[in-house]
Protein backbone atom coordinates (compact mmCIF):
# COMPACT_ATOMS: atom_id res chain seq x y z
CA MET A 1 -6.22 -70.91 162.91
CA SER A 2 -6.31 -69.23 160.14
CA LYS A 3 -6.90 -72.72 158.48
CA ALA A 4 -9.81 -73.38 160.91
CA VAL A 5 -11.21 -69.46 160.02
CA ALA A 6 -10.90 -70.87 155.90
CA ASP A 7 -12.82 -73.93 156.28
CA LEU A 8 -15.33 -71.84 158.20
CA ARG A 9 -14.80 -68.84 155.26
CA GLU A 10 -15.54 -72.14 152.89
CA GLY A 11 -18.39 -73.19 154.29
CA GLY A 12 -20.12 -70.08 154.50
CA ARG A 13 -19.76 -69.31 158.82
CA VAL A 14 -17.54 -66.72 158.82
CA ARG A 15 -17.14 -63.88 157.16
CA GLN A 16 -13.56 -62.05 156.61
CA GLN A 17 -13.14 -58.79 156.65
CA VAL A 18 -9.51 -56.83 156.43
CA ASP A 19 -9.58 -54.50 159.61
CA PRO A 20 -9.55 -50.29 158.18
CA ARG A 21 -7.35 -49.37 161.59
CA ASP A 22 -4.71 -51.95 160.96
CA ALA A 23 -4.44 -53.43 157.02
CA ARG A 24 -2.61 -55.99 158.83
CA ALA A 25 -5.10 -57.45 160.53
CA ARG A 26 -8.69 -59.40 159.87
CA ARG A 27 -11.88 -58.71 161.37
CA ILE A 28 -13.98 -62.55 161.42
CA GLY A 29 -17.96 -61.94 162.34
CA LEU A 30 -20.71 -64.83 161.56
CA THR A 31 -22.71 -65.48 158.24
CA ALA A 32 -26.37 -66.32 159.23
CA ARG A 33 -25.52 -70.18 158.50
CA GLY A 34 -22.79 -69.53 160.86
CA ARG A 35 -25.65 -68.19 163.14
CA GLU A 36 -27.70 -70.92 162.43
CA ALA A 37 -25.00 -73.38 162.86
CA ILE A 38 -24.51 -71.97 166.87
CA GLU A 39 -28.08 -71.64 167.44
CA ALA A 40 -28.50 -75.41 166.45
CA GLY A 41 -25.68 -76.77 168.41
CA ARG A 42 -27.48 -74.86 171.49
CA ARG A 43 -30.70 -76.19 171.25
CA ILE A 44 -29.08 -79.80 170.52
CA ARG A 45 -27.36 -79.35 173.56
CA SER A 46 -30.66 -77.99 175.79
CA GLU A 47 -32.16 -81.23 174.35
CA LEU A 48 -29.38 -83.37 175.76
CA VAL A 49 -29.08 -81.18 179.22
CA GLY A 50 -32.60 -82.47 179.75
CA GLU A 51 -33.25 -85.76 178.81
CA THR A 52 -29.96 -86.20 180.79
CA ALA A 53 -31.15 -84.95 183.49
CA ALA A 54 -34.35 -86.30 182.84
CA ARG A 55 -33.05 -90.20 182.70
CA HIS A 56 -30.01 -90.00 185.75
CA GLY A 57 -31.41 -86.53 187.94
CA ALA A 58 -30.07 -83.59 188.37
CA GLU A 59 -27.71 -84.00 191.02
CA ASP A 60 -26.28 -86.95 189.39
CA LEU A 61 -25.77 -84.53 186.11
CA GLN A 62 -24.08 -82.11 188.35
CA ALA A 63 -21.69 -85.12 189.67
CA ALA A 64 -21.15 -85.84 186.45
CA ARG A 65 -19.75 -82.30 185.00
CA ARG A 66 -17.62 -81.89 187.76
CA VAL A 67 -16.21 -84.90 187.49
CA LEU A 68 -15.37 -84.14 183.71
CA ALA A 69 -14.25 -80.74 184.31
CA GLU A 70 -11.99 -82.15 187.04
CA SER A 71 -10.17 -85.07 184.73
CA ILE A 72 -10.24 -81.96 182.34
CA ALA A 73 -7.99 -80.17 184.21
CA ARG A 74 -6.11 -82.30 185.56
CA HIS A 75 -4.83 -83.79 181.77
CA CYS A 76 -5.08 -80.93 180.28
CA GLY A 77 -4.54 -77.76 182.72
CA ASP A 78 -7.23 -75.31 183.66
CA SER A 79 -7.02 -73.28 180.96
CA ALA A 80 -8.79 -75.89 178.93
CA MET A 81 -12.10 -75.35 180.59
CA ARG A 82 -11.57 -71.84 180.81
CA GLY A 83 -11.86 -70.56 176.71
CA PRO A 84 -14.19 -67.68 176.14
CA PRO A 85 -17.50 -68.49 176.12
CA VAL A 86 -19.41 -67.95 173.11
CA LEU A 87 -22.01 -65.23 173.50
CA PRO A 88 -25.23 -65.08 171.87
CA PRO A 89 -25.57 -63.45 168.30
CA ARG A 90 -26.67 -58.79 168.85
């Protein structure tokens, strides 16, 4: 985890601060660049979902999602699909 955070920090996508209540802990927060990257990813995902639904239909898209989710759960365990969601910035 620390390597991933370091990479994001070096790329200017997150900032890291010492927790004022516990000097051993670090607080990680998105920078403006990090928020822009999240938004860009959301826009691209939305466009891809829309294009796929237009090409194959909403029913087939739902079926593909179900099959992929079942395959991931079978090969990686149910916990692989239950990660915390990326919440919109406040």
